[in-house]
């Protein structure tokens, strides 16, 4: 599942995943919507995705 891999390797998504799981969301559902929203936002705005740099 791409959502679980993203939650494993992306620190921002990992924090969101941990917060949602502690509130009682099922593990597979916890981050899927967030990942879809993040992927859809640049497409909707007509921009390219830019990774956050340190």
PDB file of N, CA and C in Angstrom:
ATOM      1  N   UNK A   1       0.824  -1.185   0.000  1.00  0.00           N
ATOM      2  CA  UNK A   1       0.000   0.000   0.000  1.00  0.00           C
ATOM      3  C   UNK A   1       0.869   1.251   0.000  1.00  0.00           C
ATOM      4  N   UNK A   2       0.641   2.123  -0.943  1.00  0.00           N
ATOM      5  CA  UNK A   2       1.426   3.361  -0.976  1.00  0.00           C
ATOM      6  C   UNK A   2       1.244   4.216   0.274  1.00  0.00           C
ATOM      7  N   UNK A   3       0.073   4.199   0.855  1.00  0.00           N
ATOM      8  CA  UNK A   3      -0.162   5.021   2.040  1.00  0.00           C
ATOM      9  C   UNK A   3       0.682   4.563   3.220  1.00  0.00           C
ATOM     10  N   UNK A   4       0.808   3.273   3.406  1.00  0.00           N
ATOM     11  CA  UNK A   4       1.609   2.773   4.520  1.00  0.00           C
ATOM     12  C   UNK A   4       3.098   3.016   4.287  1.00  0.00           C
ATOM     13  N   UNK A   5       3.551   2.930   3.047  1.00  0.00           N
ATOM     14  CA  UNK A   5       4.945   3.229   2.739  1.00  0.00           C
ATOM     15  C   UNK A   5       5.215   4.710   2.964  1.00  0.00           C
ATOM     16  N   UNK A   6       4.293   5.562   2.558  1.00  0.00           N
ATOM     17  CA  UNK A   6       4.453   6.996   2.780  1.00  0.00           C
ATOM     18  C   UNK A   6       4.497   7.314   4.268  1.00  0.00           C
ATOM     19  N   UNK A   7       3.660   6.666   5.052  1.00  0.00           N
ATOM     20  CA  UNK A   7       3.653   6.893   6.495  1.00  0.00           C
ATOM     21  C   UNK A   7       4.934   6.389   7.133  1.00  0.00           C
ATOM     22  N   UNK A   8       5.567   5.437   6.512  1.00  0.00           N
ATOM     23  CA  UNK A   8       6.798   4.879   7.065  1.00  0.00           C
ATOM     24  C   UNK A   8       8.013   5.769   6.789  1.00  0.00           C
ATOM     25  N   UNK A   9       8.074   6.385   5.602  1.00  0.00           N
ATOM     26  CA  UNK A   9       9.272   7.100   5.191  1.00  0.00           C
ATOM     27  C   UNK A   9       9.146   8.621   5.176  1.00  0.00           C
ATOM     28  N   UNK A  10       7.953   9.172   5.229  1.00  0.00           N
ATOM     29  CA  UNK A  10       7.764  10.620   5.231  1.00  0.00           C
ATOM     30  C   UNK A  10       7.482  11.070   6.659  1.00  0.00           C
ATOM     31  N   UNK A  11       8.363  11.888   7.259  1.00  0.00           N
ATOM     32  CA  UNK A  11       8.180  12.275   8.669  1.00  0.00           C
ATOM     33  C   UNK A  11       6.875  13.017   8.943  1.00  0.00           C
ATOM     34  N   UNK A  12       6.440  13.873   8.011  1.00  0.00           N
ATOM     35  CA  UNK A  12       5.190  14.608   8.216  1.00  0.00           C
ATOM     36  C   UNK A  12       3.987  13.665   8.202  1.00  0.00           C
ATOM     37  N   UNK A  13       3.971  12.746   7.244  1.00  0.00           N
ATOM     38  CA  UNK A  13       2.869  11.789   7.172  1.00  0.00           C
ATOM     39  C   UNK A  13       2.928  10.794   8.330  1.00  0.00           C
ATOM     40  N   UNK A  14       4.124  10.478   8.804  1.00  0.00           N
ATOM     41  CA  UNK A  14       4.274   9.579   9.947  1.00  0.00           C
ATOM     42  C   UNK A  14       3.637  10.186  11.188  1.00  0.00           C
ATOM     43  N   UNK A  15       3.850  11.477  11.401  1.00  0.00           N
ATOM     44  CA  UNK A  15       3.253  12.157  12.552  1.00  0.00           C
ATOM     45  C   UNK A  15       1.730  12.156  12.443  1.00  0.00           C
ATOM     46  N   UNK A  16       1.217  12.437  11.256  1.00  0.00           N
ATOM     47  CA  UNK A  16      -0.238  12.431  11.043  1.00  0.00           C
ATOM     48  C   UNK A  16      -0.809  11.033  11.226  1.00  0.00           C
ATOM     49  N   UNK A  17      -0.098  10.032  10.703  1.00  0.00           N
ATOM     50  CA  UNK A  17      -0.514   8.636  10.844  1.00  0.00           C
ATOM     51  C   UNK A  17      -0.588   8.239  12.321  1.00  0.00           C
ATOM     52  N   UNK A  18       0.448   8.565  13.075  1.00  0.00           N
ATOM     53  CA  UNK A  18       0.468   8.226  14.500  1.00  0.00           C
ATOM     54  C   UNK A  18      -0.682   8.901  15.248  1.00  0.00           C
ATOM     55  N   UNK A  19      -0.950  10.160  14.908  1.00  0.00           N
ATOM     56  CA  UNK A  19      -2.038  10.879  15.566  1.00  0.00           C
ATOM     57  C   UNK A  19      -3.395  10.252  15.245  1.00  0.00           C
ATOM     58  N   UNK A  20      -3.611   9.864  13.991  1.00  0.00           N
ATOM     59  CA  UNK A  20      -4.894   9.279  13.609  1.00  0.00           C
ATOM     60  C   UNK A  20      -5.082   7.879  14.203  1.00  0.00           C
ATOM     61  N   UNK A  21      -4.008   7.103  14.266  1.00  0.00           N
ATOM     62  CA  UNK A  21      -4.115   5.753  14.830  1.00  0.00           C
ATOM     63  C   UNK A  21      -4.404   5.821  16.330  1.00  0.00           C
ATOM     64  N   UNK A  22      -3.816   6.784  17.018  1.00  0.00           N
ATOM     65  CA  UNK A  22      -4.073   6.906  18.456  1.00  0.00           C
ATOM     66  C   UNK A  22      -5.507   7.348  18.743  1.00  0.00           C
ATOM     67  N   UNK A  23      -6.149   8.019  17.783  1.00  0.00           N
ATOM     68  CA  UNK A  23      -7.541   8.415  17.994  1.00  0.00           C
ATOM     69  C   UNK A  23      -8.523   7.307  17.640  1.00  0.00           C
ATOM     70  N   UNK A  24      -7.994   6.176  17.090  1.00  0.00           N
ATOM     71  CA  UNK A  24      -8.864   5.046  16.841  1.00  0.00           C
ATOM     72  C   UNK A  24      -9.127   4.711  15.391  1.00  0.00           C
ATOM     73  N   UNK A  25      -8.497   5.425  14.449  1.00  0.00           N
ATOM     74  CA  UNK A  25      -8.685   5.089  13.036  1.00  0.00           C
ATOM     75  C   UNK A  25      -8.009   3.764  12.720  1.00  0.00           C
ATOM     76  N   UNK A  26      -8.592   2.962  11.821  1.00  0.00           N
ATOM     77  CA  UNK A  26      -7.904   1.738  11.379  1.00  0.00           C
ATOM     78  C   UNK A  26      -6.592   2.094  10.678  1.00  0.00           C
ATOM     79  N   UNK A  27      -5.604   1.245  10.821  1.00  0.00           N
ATOM     80  CA  UNK A  27      -4.260   1.554  10.332  1.00  0.00           C
ATOM     81  C   UNK A  27      -4.229   1.835   8.838  1.00  0.00           C
ATOM     82  N   UNK A  28      -4.910   1.064   8.023  1.00  0.00           N
ATOM     83  CA  UNK A  28      -4.853   1.248   6.573  1.00  0.00           C
ATOM     84  C   UNK A  28      -5.637   2.475   6.109  1.00  0.00           C
ATOM     85  N   UNK A  29      -6.615   2.878   6.867  1.00  0.00           N
ATOM     86  CA  UNK A  29      -7.454   3.997   6.475  1.00  0.00           C
ATOM     87  C   UNK A  29      -6.874   5.319   6.967  1.00  0.00           C
ATOM     88  N   UNK A  30      -6.035   5.256   7.983  1.00  0.00           N
ATOM     89  CA  UNK A  30      -5.590   6.457   8.685  1.00  0.00           C
ATOM     90  C   UNK A  30      -4.918   7.479   7.780  1.00  0.00           C
ATOM     91  N   UNK A  31      -4.114   7.058   6.850  1.00  0.00           N
ATOM     92  CA  UNK A  31      -3.340   8.009   6.067  1.00  0.00           C
ATOM     93  C   UNK A  31      -3.767   8.067   4.606  1.00  0.00           C
ATOM     94  N   UNK A  32      -4.629   7.156   4.150  1.00  0.00           N
ATOM     95  CA  UNK A  32      -5.007   7.113   2.742  1.00  0.00           C
ATOM     96  C   UNK A  32      -5.625   8.411   2.252  1.00  0.00           C
ATOM     97  N   UNK A  33      -6.567   8.952   2.991  1.00  0.00           N
ATOM     98  CA  UNK A  33      -7.238  10.174   2.550  1.00  0.00           C
ATOM     99  C   UNK A  33      -6.258  11.335   2.491  1.00  0.00           C
ATOM    100  N   UNK A  34      -5.391  11.435   3.497  1.00  0.00           N
ATOM    101  CA  UNK A  34      -4.396  12.503   3.517  1.00  0.00           C
ATOM    102  C   UNK A  34      -3.477  12.409   2.296  1.00  0.00           C
ATOM    103  N   UNK A  35      -3.076  11.210   1.939  1.00  0.00           N
ATOM    104  CA  UNK A  35      -2.205  11.014   0.787  1.00  0.00           C
ATOM    105  C   UNK A  35      -2.919  11.388  -0.513  1.00  0.00           C
ATOM    106  N   UNK A  36      -4.175  11.036  -0.635  1.00  0.00           N
ATOM    107  CA  UNK A  36      -4.946  11.380  -1.840  1.00  0.00           C
ATOM    108  C   UNK A  36      -5.125  12.894  -1.941  1.00  0.00           C
ATOM    109  N   UNK A  37      -5.397  13.550  -0.827  1.00  0.00           N
ATOM    110  CA  UNK A  37      -5.562  15.003  -0.839  1.00  0.00           C
ATOM    111  C   UNK A  37      -4.253  15.684  -1.226  1.00  0.00           C
ATOM    112  N   UNK A  38      -3.131  15.203  -0.680  1.00  0.00           N
ATOM    113  CA  UNK A  38      -1.836  15.783  -1.018  1.00  0.00           C
ATOM    114  C   UNK A  38      -1.486  15.578  -2.488  1.00  0.00           C
ATOM    115  N   UNK A  39      -1.858  14.455  -3.046  1.00  0.00           N
ATOM    116  CA  UNK A  39      -1.568  14.188  -4.453  1.00  0.00           C
ATOM    117  C   UNK A  39      -2.488  14.979  -5.380  1.00  0.00           C
ATOM    118  N   UNK A  40      -3.708  15.227  -4.964  1.00  0.00           N
ATOM    119  CA  UNK A  40      -4.688  15.900  -5.808  1.00  0.00           C
ATOM    120  C   UNK A  40      -4.532  17.420  -5.801  1.00  0.00           C
ATOM    121  N   UNK A  41      -4.027  17.988  -4.732  1.00  0.00           N
ATOM    122  CA  UNK A  41      -3.952  19.449  -4.613  1.00  0.00           C
ATOM    123  C   UNK A  41      -3.135  20.102  -5.725  1.00  0.00           C
ATOM    124  N   UNK A  42      -1.915  19.642  -6.031  1.00  0.00           N
ATOM    125  CA  UNK A  42      -1.170  20.289  -7.134  1.00  0.00           C
ATOM    126  C   UNK A  42      -1.841  20.099  -8.493  1.00  0.00           C
ATOM    127  N   UNK A  43      -2.452  18.948  -8.705  1.00  0.00           N
ATOM    128  CA  UNK A  43      -3.139  18.716  -9.981  1.00  0.00           C
ATOM    129  C   UNK A  43      -4.302  19.677 -10.156  1.00  0.00           C
ATOM    130  N   UNK A  44      -5.026  19.889  -9.084  1.00  0.00           N
ATOM    131  CA  UNK A  44      -6.180  20.775  -9.129  1.00  0.00           C
ATOM    132  C   UNK A  44      -5.750  22.224  -9.379  1.00  0.00           C
ATOM    133  N   UNK A  45      -4.599  22.602  -8.817  1.00  0.00           N
ATOM    134  CA  UNK A  45      -4.105  23.971  -8.975  1.00  0.00           C
ATOM    135  C   UNK A  45      -3.281  24.152 -10.243  1.00  0.00           C
ATOM    136  N   UNK A  46      -2.999  23.057 -10.967  1.00  0.00           N
ATOM    137  CA  UNK A  46      -2.221  23.151 -12.194  1.00  0.00           C
ATOM    138  C   UNK A  46      -0.735  23.347 -11.958  1.00  0.00           C
ATOM    139  N   UNK A  47      -0.229  22.855 -10.837  1.00  0.00           N
ATOM    140  CA  UNK A  47       1.196  22.994 -10.510  1.00  0.00           C
ATOM    141  C   UNK A  47       1.851  21.624 -10.427  1.00  0.00           C
ATOM    142  N   UNK A  48       3.165  21.620 -10.443  1.00  0.00           N
ATOM    143  CA  UNK A  48       3.918  20.403 -10.222  1.00  0.00           C
ATOM    144  C   UNK A  48       4.159  20.219  -8.729  1.00  0.00           C
ATOM    145  N   UNK A  49       4.317  18.977  -8.322  1.00  0.00           N
ATOM    146  CA  UNK A  49       4.596  18.687  -6.922  1.00  0.00           C
ATOM    147  C   UNK A  49       6.042  19.037  -6.616  1.00  0.00           C
ATOM    148  N   UNK A  50       6.250  19.766  -5.541  1.00  0.00           N
ATOM    149  CA  UNK A  50       7.605  20.151  -5.132  1.00  0.00           C
ATOM    150  C   UNK A  50       7.869  19.580  -3.743  1.00  0.00           C
ATOM    151  N   UNK A  51       8.878  18.726  -3.611  1.00  0.00           N
ATOM    152  CA  UNK A  51       9.180  18.179  -2.285  1.00  0.00           C
ATOM    153  C   UNK A  51       9.705  19.262  -1.358  1.00  0.00           C
ATOM    154  N   UNK A  52       9.436  19.110  -0.085  1.00  0.00           N
ATOM    155  CA  UNK A  52       9.892  20.069   0.905  1.00  0.00           C
ATOM    156  C   UNK A  52      11.391  19.869   1.114  1.00  0.00           C
ATOM    157  N   UNK A  53      12.157  20.921   0.987  1.00  0.00           N
ATOM    158  CA  UNK A  53      13.597  20.816   1.181  1.00  0.00           C
ATOM    159  C   UNK A  53      13.961  21.196   2.606  1.00  0.00           C
ATOM    160  N   UNK A  54      15.046  20.659   3.075  1.00  0.00           N
ATOM    161  CA  UNK A  54      15.468  20.906   4.457  1.00  0.00           C
ATOM    162  C   UNK A  54      16.154  22.233   4.603  1.00  0.00           C
TER     163      UNK A  54
END
